[in-house]
Protein backbone atom coordinates (compact mmCIF):
# COMPACT_ATOMS: atom_id res chain seq x y z
CA MET A 1 0.00 0.00 0.00
CA SER A 2 1.50 3.29 -1.10
CA SER A 3 1.73 6.19 1.26
CA PRO A 4 -0.56 9.19 0.63
CA PRO A 5 0.98 12.11 -1.26
CA ALA A 6 2.39 14.91 0.77
CA GLU A 7 -0.14 17.63 1.40
CA ASP A 8 0.37 20.55 -0.91
CA SER A 9 0.28 24.15 0.21
CA PHE A 10 -2.96 26.15 -0.05
CA ALA A 11 -1.50 28.31 -2.85
CA ALA A 12 -0.51 25.21 -4.80
CA ARG A 13 -3.98 23.64 -4.40
CA LYS A 14 -5.56 26.84 -5.73
CA THR A 15 -3.35 26.89 -8.87
CA PRO A 16 -5.01 25.23 -11.90
CA PRO A 17 -2.95 22.26 -13.13
CA THR A 18 -2.49 23.75 -16.61
CA ILE A 19 -1.14 27.09 -15.37
CA SER A 20 2.24 27.35 -13.72
CA ARG A 21 2.58 29.62 -10.74
CA ARG A 22 4.33 32.93 -11.32
CA PRO A 23 6.79 34.47 -8.89
CA PRO A 24 5.18 36.95 -6.52
CA SER A 25 4.89 40.50 -7.81
CA PRO A 26 7.13 43.09 -6.19
CA PRO A 27 5.44 45.29 -3.61
CA VAL A 28 4.02 48.50 -5.02
CA SER A 29 4.70 51.89 -3.54
CA ASP A 30 2.26 53.75 -1.33
CA ARG A 31 1.74 56.27 -4.14
CA ASP A 32 0.70 53.57 -6.61
CA SER A 33 -1.53 51.73 -4.17
CA PRO A 34 -4.15 53.83 -2.38
CA SER A 35 -5.05 50.89 -0.13
CA ALA A 36 -1.60 51.02 1.46
CA ALA A 37 -2.44 54.18 3.39
CA PRO A 38 -6.16 54.43 4.21
CA LEU A 39 -7.63 57.92 4.23
CA ASP A 40 -9.27 59.40 7.27
CA GLN A 41 -12.94 60.41 7.16
CA ALA A 42 -12.22 64.04 6.27
CA ASP A 43 -10.11 63.03 3.28
CA GLN A 44 -12.66 60.45 2.15
CA ARG A 45 -15.42 63.06 2.32
CA LEU A 46 -13.33 65.50 0.27
CA ILE A 47 -12.62 62.86 -2.42
CA GLN A 48 -16.36 62.14 -2.64
CA GLN A 49 -17.13 65.85 -3.06
CA ILE A 50 -14.62 66.12 -5.90
CA ASP A 51 -15.94 62.98 -7.58
CA ARG A 52 -19.61 63.99 -7.37
CA GLY A 53 -19.01 67.61 -8.31
CA ILE A 54 -20.65 68.85 -5.10
CA LYS A 55 -18.03 71.61 -5.01
CA THR A 56 -15.67 72.87 -7.71
CA ALA A 57 -12.99 74.58 -5.61
CA PHE A 58 -11.07 73.16 -2.65
CA TYR A 59 -8.34 74.70 -0.51
CA LEU A 60 -5.54 72.17 0.03
CA ASP A 61 -1.99 72.71 1.18
CA PRO A 62 0.62 71.13 -1.15
CA ASP A 63 1.46 68.27 1.22
CA ARG A 64 -2.17 67.22 1.52
CA PHE A 65 -2.67 67.49 -2.24
CA GLU A 66 0.33 65.26 -2.87
CA ARG A 67 -1.00 62.72 -0.35
CA LEU A 68 -4.47 62.67 -1.95
CA ARG A 69 -3.31 62.73 -5.56
CA PRO A 70 -3.32 58.91 -6.06
CA TYR A 71 -6.96 58.86 -4.91
CA LEU A 72 -8.26 61.71 -7.09
CA PRO A 73 -10.98 60.71 -9.58
CA GLU A 74 -10.37 60.77 -13.34
CA VAL A 75 -11.75 64.26 -13.92
CA ARG A 76 -10.13 67.45 -15.20
CA LEU A 77 -8.34 69.18 -12.33
CA ASP A 78 -6.03 72.16 -11.85
CA TYR A 79 -3.94 72.72 -8.73
CA ASP A 80 -2.17 75.98 -7.85
CA PRO A 81 0.24 75.45 -4.92
CA GLU A 82 0.72 79.18 -4.37
CA LYS A 83 -2.99 79.75 -3.83
CA GLU A 84 -3.33 76.22 -2.36
CA LEU A 85 -6.38 75.85 -4.61
CA LEU A 86 -7.64 72.70 -6.35
CA GLN A 87 -10.28 73.34 -9.02
CA ARG A 88 -12.44 70.86 -10.87
CA HIS A 89 -13.58 71.51 -14.44
CA MET A 90 -17.32 70.88 -14.33
CA PRO A 91 -18.81 69.44 -17.54
CA ASP A 92 -21.59 71.43 -19.16
CA VAL A 93 -23.47 70.80 -22.40
CA ILE A 94 -22.29 74.07 -23.95
CA HIS A 95 -18.72 73.78 -22.65
CA GLU A 96 -18.35 70.19 -23.85
CA ALA A 97 -19.96 70.97 -27.22
CA MET A 98 -17.44 73.73 -27.91
CA ILE A 99 -14.56 71.43 -26.92
CA GLN A 100 -15.86 68.76 -29.28
CA VAL A 101 -16.37 71.06 -32.28
CA LEU A 102 -12.90 72.57 -31.84
CA GLU A 103 -11.30 69.15 -31.66
CA ASP A 104 -13.27 67.93 -34.69
CA CYS A 105 -12.34 71.00 -36.76
CA LEU A 106 -8.67 70.69 -35.87
CA ARG A 107 -8.64 66.99 -36.74
CA GLN A 108 -10.30 67.67 -40.10
CA GLU A 109 -7.80 70.40 -40.95
CA ILE A 110 -4.85 68.25 -39.89
CA ARG A 111 -6.16 65.43 -42.08
CA ARG A 112 -6.71 67.81 -45.02
CA LEU A 113 -3.17 69.19 -44.88
CA SER A 114 -1.58 65.78 -44.30
CA GLN A 115 -3.21 64.52 -47.52
CA SER A 116 -2.81 67.64 -49.66
CA PRO A 117 -0.35 67.39 -52.59
CA ASP A 118 0.19 71.15 -52.28
CA VAL A 119 1.83 70.73 -48.86
CA ASP A 120 5.51 69.88 -48.48
CA SER A 121 6.02 66.13 -47.94
CA ARG A 122 8.00 66.73 -44.73
CA VAL A 123 5.11 68.72 -43.30
CA ARG A 124 2.59 66.08 -44.39
CA ASP A 125 4.60 63.29 -42.76
CA ALA A 126 4.92 65.21 -39.49
CA LEU A 127 1.20 66.08 -39.38
CA GLN A 128 0.22 62.43 -39.82
CA LYS A 129 1.79 61.73 -36.41
CA VAL A 130 -0.22 64.43 -34.59
CA LYS A 131 -3.23 63.16 -32.62
CA PRO A 132 -5.62 64.68 -30.05
CA ARG A 133 -5.01 63.98 -26.38
CA ARG A 134 -7.65 65.09 -23.90
CA SER A 135 -6.58 66.62 -20.58
CA THR A 136 -2.82 66.15 -20.78
CA ASP A 137 -1.15 67.10 -17.51
CA ILE A 138 1.27 70.03 -17.76
CA ILE A 139 3.67 70.41 -14.84
CA ASN A 140 5.64 73.58 -14.12
CA PRO A 141 9.28 72.38 -14.07
CA ARG A 142 10.59 75.55 -12.44
CA GLY A 143 7.81 75.83 -9.89
CA SER A 144 6.45 73.58 -7.20
CA ARG A 145 6.44 69.86 -7.92
CA PHE A 146 2.80 69.87 -6.86
CA GLU A 147 1.52 72.19 -9.59
CA LEU A 148 -0.88 70.57 -12.07
CA ARG A 149 -2.81 71.92 -15.07
CA THR A 150 -5.01 70.01 -17.50
CA PRO A 151 -6.10 71.81 -20.69
CA ASP A 152 -9.46 70.99 -22.27
CA ILE A 153 -7.84 69.79 -25.52
CA SER A 154 -4.27 68.98 -26.46
CA PHE A 155 -2.57 67.77 -29.65
CA ARG A 156 0.85 66.20 -29.91
CA ALA A 157 2.86 63.74 -31.98
CA VAL A 158 2.15 60.11 -31.14
CA SER A 159 5.84 59.34 -30.62
CA SER A 160 6.39 62.36 -28.38
CA ASN A 161 6.69 61.89 -24.62
CA SER A 162 6.99 65.61 -23.97
CA HIS A 163 4.33 68.29 -23.64
CA PRO A 164 1.64 68.70 -26.30
CA SER A 165 2.41 71.18 -29.05
CA LEU A 166 -1.07 72.75 -29.12
CA VAL A 167 -3.66 73.13 -26.34
CA CYS A 168 -7.13 74.65 -26.10
CA GLU A 169 -9.01 76.12 -23.14
CA VAL A 170 -12.74 76.92 -23.17
CA ALA A 171 -14.33 79.30 -20.65
CA TYR A 172 -18.09 79.14 -20.19
CA SER A 173 -18.94 79.63 -16.53
CA GLN A 174 -15.53 80.90 -15.46
CA LYS A 175 -13.87 84.28 -15.83
CA SER A 176 -12.33 84.99 -19.21
CA LYS A 177 -9.10 86.15 -17.55
CA ASN A 178 -8.68 82.73 -15.94
CA VAL A 179 -8.68 80.91 -19.26
CA GLN A 180 -6.39 83.50 -20.87
CA ASP A 181 -3.93 83.18 -17.98
CA ALA A 182 -4.09 79.39 -18.28
CA CYS A 183 -3.05 79.55 -21.95
CA ILE A 184 -0.11 81.79 -21.11
CA GLN A 185 0.96 79.49 -18.26
CA HIS A 186 0.79 76.39 -20.50
CA ILE A 187 3.37 77.97 -22.82
CA LYS A 188 5.55 79.30 -20.00
CA HIS A 189 5.53 76.13 -17.90
CA SER A 190 6.47 73.98 -20.89
CA LYS A 191 9.29 76.40 -21.85
CA GLY A 192 7.75 76.78 -25.29
CA ALA A 193 7.17 73.06 -25.90
CA VAL A 194 3.51 74.05 -26.01
CA GLN A 195 3.87 76.10 -29.17
CA CYS A 196 0.31 77.36 -29.43
CA ALA A 197 -2.63 77.82 -27.06
CA ILE A 198 -6.21 78.71 -28.00
CA ALA A 199 -8.55 80.46 -25.55
CA VAL A 200 -12.30 80.49 -26.24
CA ASP A 201 -14.51 82.68 -24.05
CA LEU A 202 -18.27 82.01 -24.29
CA PRO A 203 -21.18 84.18 -23.06
CA TYR A 204 -22.70 82.84 -19.83
CA ASN A 205 -26.06 84.08 -18.49
CA GLU A 206 -25.38 87.64 -19.64
CA PRO A 207 -25.12 89.53 -22.94
CA LYS A 208 -21.46 89.71 -23.86
CA ALA A 209 -19.27 88.93 -26.84
CA GLY A 210 -17.82 85.49 -27.44
CA THR A 211 -14.14 85.62 -28.35
CA VAL A 212 -11.32 83.38 -29.50
CA ALA A 213 -7.65 84.20 -28.93
CA VAL A 214 -4.49 82.47 -30.10
CA TYR A 215 -1.28 82.59 -28.04
CA ARG A 216 1.99 81.48 -29.56
CA ALA A 217 5.46 80.90 -28.14
CA GLY A 218 7.51 83.75 -29.54
CA SER A 219 10.30 86.28 -29.22
CA LYS A 220 10.65 89.53 -27.33
CA SER A 221 13.28 92.21 -27.63
CA GLY A 222 15.97 92.05 -25.00
CA GLY A 223 18.51 94.86 -24.79
CA ARG A 224 19.97 95.89 -28.13
CA ARG A 225 18.91 92.84 -30.02
CA SER A 226 15.91 90.60 -30.33
CA THR A 227 16.39 87.35 -28.43
CA ARG A 228 14.18 84.31 -28.38
CA ARG A 229 12.97 83.60 -24.88
CA ARG A 230 11.62 80.12 -24.48
CA GLY A 231 8.18 80.15 -23.00
CA THR A 232 7.23 83.72 -23.94
CA ALA A 233 3.54 83.86 -24.87
CA ILE A 234 2.43 86.36 -27.51
CA VAL A 235 -1.15 87.03 -28.63
CA VAL A 236 -1.22 86.63 -32.40
CA HIS A 237 -4.97 86.55 -32.96
CA HIS A 238 -7.99 87.85 -31.06
CA ALA A 239 -11.45 88.06 -32.59
CA GLU A 240 -15.12 88.04 -31.71
CA PHE A 241 -17.29 85.29 -33.16
CA ILE A 242 -20.41 86.18 -31.15
CA THR A 243 -21.41 89.83 -30.80
CA SER A 244 -22.72 91.25 -27.54
CA ASP A 245 -26.23 91.25 -29.04
CA ALA A 246 -25.93 87.53 -29.98
CA GLY A 247 -25.07 88.11 -33.64
CA SER A 248 -22.57 86.14 -35.70
CA ILE A 249 -19.36 87.42 -37.25
CA GLU A 250 -17.84 86.09 -40.44
CA GLY A 251 -14.17 85.25 -40.51
CA GLU A 252 -11.73 82.44 -39.80
CA LEU A 253 -9.56 81.18 -36.99
CA VAL A 254 -6.22 80.67 -38.77
CA LEU A 255 -3.42 78.48 -37.41
CA ARG A 256 -0.14 77.29 -38.90
CA ALA A 257 1.06 73.73 -39.26
CA SER A 258 4.12 74.86 -37.29
CA ASP A 259 1.79 75.35 -34.30
CA LEU A 260 1.40 71.56 -34.23
CA ILE A 261 4.77 70.25 -35.41
CA CYS A 262 8.37 71.23 -34.73
CA LEU A 263 10.70 71.22 -37.73
CA GLY A 264 14.21 72.61 -37.98
CA ARG A 265 15.25 75.40 -40.32
CA ASN A 266 16.47 72.90 -42.91
CA GLU A 267 13.64 70.43 -42.29
CA GLY A 268 10.72 72.43 -43.67
CA ARG A 269 10.03 75.06 -41.01
CA ALA A 270 9.19 77.73 -43.58
CA GLU A 271 6.87 75.33 -45.38
CA ALA A 272 5.16 74.49 -42.07
CA ASP A 273 4.64 78.21 -41.42
CA GLY A 274 2.96 78.53 -44.81
CA ALA A 275 0.59 75.55 -44.42
CA LEU A 276 -2.54 77.01 -42.82
CA LEU A 277 -5.39 75.44 -40.85
CA LYS A 278 -8.63 77.41 -41.17
CA ILE A 279 -11.71 77.10 -38.94
CA PRO A 280 -14.75 79.23 -39.88
CA LEU A 281 -15.90 81.37 -36.96
CA ARG A 282 -19.47 80.66 -38.06
CA THR A 283 -18.91 76.99 -37.17
CA LEU A 284 -18.13 77.95 -33.56
CA TYR A 285 -21.13 80.30 -33.46
CA ASP A 286 -23.55 77.66 -34.79
CA GLU A 287 -22.29 75.04 -32.32
CA TYR A 288 -22.69 77.42 -29.39
CA TYR A 289 -26.33 78.19 -30.15
CA GLU A 290 -27.19 74.60 -31.02
CA ALA A 291 -25.78 73.52 -27.65
CA GLN A 292 -27.78 76.26 -25.94
CA THR A 293 -30.96 74.88 -27.52
CA ASP A 294 -30.10 71.33 -26.46
CA LYS A 295 -29.48 72.49 -22.91
CA ALA A 296 -32.75 74.46 -22.76
CA ARG A 297 -35.00 71.57 -23.88
CA PRO A 298 -34.85 69.41 -20.72
CA GLN A 299 -35.05 72.52 -18.53
CA LYS A 300 -38.20 73.65 -20.36
CA ARG A 301 -39.73 70.17 -19.98
CA LYS A 302 -39.01 70.28 -16.26
CA LEU A 303 -40.66 73.70 -15.94
CA ASP A 304 -43.69 72.53 -17.92
CA ASP A 305 -44.07 69.42 -15.74
CA LEU A 306 -43.76 71.42 -12.52
CA SER A 307 -46.33 73.96 -13.75
CA GLU A 308 -48.91 71.17 -14.02
CA LEU A 309 -48.53 70.01 -10.41
CA ASP A 310 -51.37 70.37 -7.91
CA TRP A 311 -49.93 73.11 -5.73
CA SER A 312 -52.70 72.76 -3.14
CA SER A 313 -50.80 69.78 -1.71
CA TYR A 314 -47.92 72.06 -0.75
CA PRO A 315 -48.29 74.56 2.11
CA THR A 316 -47.71 78.18 1.21
CA ASP A 317 -44.40 79.49 2.49
CA SER A 318 -44.95 83.21 2.91
CA ASP A 319 -41.54 83.96 4.40
CA TYR A 320 -39.30 82.02 2.04
CA SER A 321 -37.16 85.10 1.43
CA SER A 322 -36.48 85.69 5.12
CA GLU A 323 -33.46 84.33 6.95
CA ALA A 324 -35.62 81.69 8.63
CA GLU A 325 -35.40 78.27 6.98
CA PRO A 326 -38.68 77.46 5.15
CA PRO A 327 -40.70 74.33 5.97
CA SER A 328 -39.21 71.21 4.40
CA LYS A 329 -42.40 70.40 2.47
CA SER A 330 -43.15 73.91 1.23
CA TRP A 331 -43.57 74.53 -2.49
CA TRP A 332 -40.57 76.84 -2.46
CA THR A 333 -38.23 74.22 -0.99
CA MET A 334 -39.55 71.62 -3.41
CA LEU A 335 -38.87 73.84 -6.43
CA LEU A 336 -35.38 74.75 -5.33
CA SER A 337 -34.64 71.07 -4.76
CA GLN A 338 -35.38 70.57 -8.47
CA GLY A 339 -32.44 72.81 -9.33
CA LEU A 340 -34.47 75.88 -10.29
CA HIS A 341 -33.29 79.43 -9.77
CA GLU A 342 -35.42 81.83 -7.72
CA LYS A 343 -36.85 83.58 -10.80
CA GLN A 344 -37.73 80.25 -12.42
CA ALA A 345 -39.48 79.12 -9.24
CA ARG A 346 -41.59 82.28 -9.19
CA ASP A 347 -42.53 81.80 -12.85
CA VAL A 348 -43.60 78.20 -12.27
CA ALA A 349 -45.85 78.87 -9.26
CA PRO A 350 -46.41 82.63 -9.00
CA ASN A 351 -49.63 82.30 -7.00
CA ALA A 352 -48.63 79.48 -4.68
């Protein structure tokens, strides 16, 4: 009678007979593995607020930001260590529509030039390697190691591991100066590796002009002679495409192939400067107003549905505008809980 086989280890018993066991993986760092250092309740609550979009701005010191960075959700974020401010880019129908139309137009123009027999072959070959990359992180190499910026759109060569060559920022619900400053910082922080930055400023809840500006890494005079300073941002184009009274303006947003590719003097740089990408301003105008219509439809349906409610089931809240908190079941509280503004709530139930 043969003796029973020696008992195998638990790990060996769990391994299928057709698959050989692999050596154990090396331990990962705390930065790569969030589970290695559990967050306290305050940090967990903050991560949830960022993820759900409950707030869009958070004050964090650089050390705390660096500790939380492995846990941050995959959303567009900017962090300024000097202001200790983390900001989330909140998606909006109009904001996202403008990002999409800009990206589509740029891709079409890149494809057109890369296939055109009228364009120098060196420029065509270089353009074929340029692809869109959403939300590429741009770190300030001369500033704090904690600084982080993520443009709305970025384009760069597939083989490139450096910064994107062209970025776009769209401002809808934020101040126009913020998006203009962001474009300048993208060029400065990358030391001119970001060769071109586009800033689009859209009207938001008020009559104002919609504008598009192009910033390019360029030269400035220094002393007796003109010297090229890497990372100097110069405005080369600024135009309205929406008038303050909501009218359209004809014209084109014109870029150069050299805004997307980097060629040496003997490699076709002059030819890249002469190959132009053209985006009709009317295209941006049409997309803005089409997105506005799309955004208004569900809001109008909500207002129509609320207008048909039986308001007698809700107690009248006569002092909703006072500092006292209104009753939880009042019509006013119910309307505000639906995401309506005060004026919209009054229009829906003016006699309630």
